[in-house]
C-alpha cells in the first residue's frame, strides 16, 4: 500500500507526517539526515508519495498595519531562510533518488497551523502529541494539492 509523506519545511527541523489510507500513522520533527533515513526505510517496504510544501508559492511580505519595518524585515528574513532550507532539502531528496511533489501551502480550515493539538486530534483522529509543524505536515499529506491541479513533480534524475 502507498504511504503519503507530508513535509512542512523549516530551517532546522521539518514537520513530517506519514499517512496511510487517509489515516495518520506517525508525526515527526526531523532534520534532513534523519528525514532521508526515514524515507529510505519506508521506501524499502512501501511506495511513497512525498508532498513538500512549496514555500515559494507564498506571497511576498508587505508592510502590515501595526508592525514596524524591523518586524516586517525579520518576517521576510525568516521566510527567506525557510525557502533556502526547503531548496536544500529538495536537492538532497533528489540526490538520493526520491520523487517529490510540490504542493501549495494550505489555507484556512486545512492549514495545520490553524489548530491546537486537541482540535487537530478531533479533526484527524490522531491520538498522539503534535506541534504546529507536524500538524501542518499531516494536513499537507492529507489535503496538499499541486498548483492548478497539475502535479509539480520534481525528480533527481
Protein backbone atom coordinates (compact mmCIF):
# COMPACT_ATOMS: atom_id res chain seq x y z
CA UNK A 1 0.00 0.00 0.00
CA UNK A 2 1.16 3.54 -0.72
CA UNK A 3 2.20 5.88 2.05
CA UNK A 4 1.86 9.62 1.70
CA UNK A 5 4.57 11.64 3.43
CA UNK A 6 3.82 15.31 4.03
CA UNK A 7 6.68 17.69 4.77
CA UNK A 8 6.40 21.19 6.19
CA UNK A 9 9.90 22.64 5.65
CA UNK A 10 11.67 24.68 8.29
CA UNK A 11 15.18 25.96 8.88
CA UNK A 12 16.44 23.31 11.31
CA UNK A 13 13.88 20.54 11.56
CA UNK A 14 10.93 19.84 9.29
CA UNK A 15 7.44 18.79 10.26
CA UNK A 16 6.85 15.32 8.81
CA UNK A 17 3.73 13.17 8.68
CA UNK A 18 3.25 9.65 7.40
CA UNK A 19 -0.30 8.85 6.24
CA UNK A 20 -1.70 5.51 5.07
CA UNK A 21 -5.17 5.27 3.50
CA UNK A 22 -6.09 8.69 4.89
CA UNK A 23 -5.06 7.82 8.46
CA UNK A 24 -2.10 9.47 10.16
CA UNK A 25 0.39 6.78 11.11
CA UNK A 26 3.14 8.92 12.64
CA UNK A 27 4.24 12.52 13.13
CA UNK A 28 7.87 13.61 13.33
CA UNK A 29 10.08 16.65 13.61
CA UNK A 30 13.27 15.78 11.71
CA UNK A 31 16.42 17.29 10.25
CA UNK A 32 17.46 16.46 6.68
CA UNK A 33 19.63 13.45 7.52
CA UNK A 34 17.02 11.81 9.77
CA UNK A 35 14.28 12.53 7.25
CA UNK A 36 16.20 10.90 4.41
CA UNK A 37 16.93 7.88 6.64
CA UNK A 38 13.22 7.58 7.48
CA UNK A 39 12.17 7.84 3.83
CA UNK A 40 14.79 5.29 2.81
CA UNK A 41 13.50 2.86 5.43
CA UNK A 42 9.87 3.41 4.41
CA UNK A 43 10.70 3.03 0.70
CA UNK A 44 12.04 -0.48 1.35
CA UNK A 45 8.52 -1.69 2.16
CA UNK A 46 6.12 0.83 0.61
CA UNK A 47 5.52 3.00 -2.39
CA UNK A 48 5.89 6.63 -1.30
CA UNK A 49 4.18 9.78 -2.42
CA UNK A 50 6.21 12.64 -0.96
CA UNK A 51 4.48 16.02 -0.71
CA UNK A 52 6.63 19.03 0.12
CA UNK A 53 5.01 22.38 0.83
CA UNK A 54 6.07 24.77 -1.94
CA UNK A 55 7.28 27.65 0.20
CA UNK A 56 7.95 29.67 -2.97
CA UNK A 57 4.19 29.88 -3.52
CA UNK A 58 3.82 32.25 -0.55
CA UNK A 59 3.07 35.83 -1.50
CA UNK A 60 5.73 38.48 -0.83
CA UNK A 61 5.83 40.05 2.60
CA UNK A 62 4.42 43.58 2.63
CA UNK A 63 4.10 46.12 5.39
CA UNK A 64 1.23 45.29 7.73
CA UNK A 65 -0.64 47.78 9.85
CA UNK A 66 0.62 47.79 13.42
CA UNK A 67 4.01 46.23 12.64
CA UNK A 68 7.23 48.14 12.36
CA UNK A 69 9.59 47.99 9.42
CA UNK A 70 12.03 46.00 11.58
CA UNK A 71 9.34 43.45 12.45
CA UNK A 72 8.48 43.07 8.76
CA UNK A 73 12.16 42.68 7.84
CA UNK A 74 12.51 39.91 10.43
CA UNK A 75 9.49 38.09 8.94
CA UNK A 76 10.96 38.43 5.44
CA UNK A 77 14.34 37.09 6.62
CA UNK A 78 12.67 34.10 8.30
CA UNK A 79 10.70 33.29 5.16
CA UNK A 80 13.89 33.56 3.10
CA UNK A 81 15.69 31.16 5.45
CA UNK A 82 12.86 28.63 5.19
CA UNK A 83 12.88 28.92 1.38
CA UNK A 84 16.59 28.17 1.37
CA UNK A 85 16.16 25.21 3.74
CA UNK A 86 13.34 23.83 1.57
CA UNK A 87 15.50 24.11 -1.55
CA UNK A 88 18.39 22.28 0.16
CA UNK A 89 16.03 19.54 1.31
CA UNK A 90 14.59 19.19 -2.19
CA UNK A 91 18.10 18.86 -3.64
CA UNK A 92 19.10 16.26 -1.03
CA UNK A 93 15.96 14.20 -1.62
CA UNK A 94 16.52 14.31 -5.38
CA UNK A 95 20.19 13.36 -4.99
CA UNK A 96 19.20 10.07 -3.33
CA UNK A 97 16.52 9.41 -5.96
CA UNK A 98 13.27 10.45 -4.34
CA UNK A 99 10.48 12.00 -6.38
CA UNK A 100 8.90 14.98 -4.65
CA UNK A 101 5.54 16.57 -5.36
CA UNK A 102 5.50 20.30 -4.65
CA UNK A 103 2.14 21.29 -3.20
CA UNK A 104 0.56 24.64 -2.48
CA UNK A 105 0.60 25.94 1.10
CA UNK A 106 -2.69 25.15 2.80
CA UNK A 107 -5.03 27.95 3.77
CA UNK A 108 -7.97 28.29 6.11
CA UNK A 109 -9.54 25.17 7.59
CA UNK A 110 -6.98 22.84 6.01
CA UNK A 111 -3.91 24.56 7.46
CA UNK A 112 -2.49 22.51 10.31
CA UNK A 113 -1.03 25.64 11.91
CA UNK A 114 -4.57 26.82 12.50
CA UNK A 115 -5.29 24.08 15.01
CA UNK A 116 -4.15 23.46 18.55
CA UNK A 117 -3.44 19.81 19.28
CA UNK A 118 -6.85 18.95 20.78
CA UNK A 119 -8.78 20.37 17.81
CA UNK A 120 -6.35 18.72 15.37
CA UNK A 121 -6.84 15.37 17.13
CA UNK A 122 -10.64 15.67 16.92
CA UNK A 123 -10.45 16.62 13.24
CA UNK A 124 -7.99 13.96 12.12
CA UNK A 125 -8.39 11.14 14.65
CA UNK A 126 -4.74 11.44 15.73
CA UNK A 127 -4.21 10.49 19.38
CA UNK A 128 -0.56 11.37 20.00
CA UNK A 129 1.40 14.53 20.65
CA UNK A 130 1.97 17.07 17.91
CA UNK A 131 3.36 20.52 17.22
CA UNK A 132 2.36 23.17 14.69
CA UNK A 133 4.91 21.95 12.11
CA UNK A 134 3.99 18.29 12.12
CA UNK A 135 0.27 19.13 12.26
CA UNK A 136 0.80 21.18 9.11
CA UNK A 137 2.76 18.29 7.56
CA UNK A 138 -0.19 15.98 8.29
CA UNK A 139 -2.60 18.35 6.59
CA UNK A 140 -0.20 18.59 3.62
CA UNK A 141 -0.15 14.79 3.38
CA UNK A 142 -3.94 14.60 3.66
CA UNK A 143 -5.00 17.59 1.56
CA UNK A 144 -2.00 19.08 -0.25
CA UNK A 145 -2.68 19.71 -3.93
CA UNK A 146 -0.30 20.69 -6.71
CA UNK A 147 -0.74 24.16 -8.19
CA UNK A 148 -3.55 24.24 -10.74
CA UNK A 149 -4.25 20.55 -10.19
CA UNK A 150 -1.15 19.67 -12.24
CA UNK A 151 1.43 17.60 -10.45
CA UNK A 152 4.54 19.62 -9.61
CA UNK A 153 6.76 16.56 -9.55
CA UNK A 154 10.48 17.02 -9.08
CA UNK A 155 12.87 14.13 -9.51
CA UNK A 156 16.60 14.00 -9.16
CA UNK A 157 17.04 12.06 -12.39
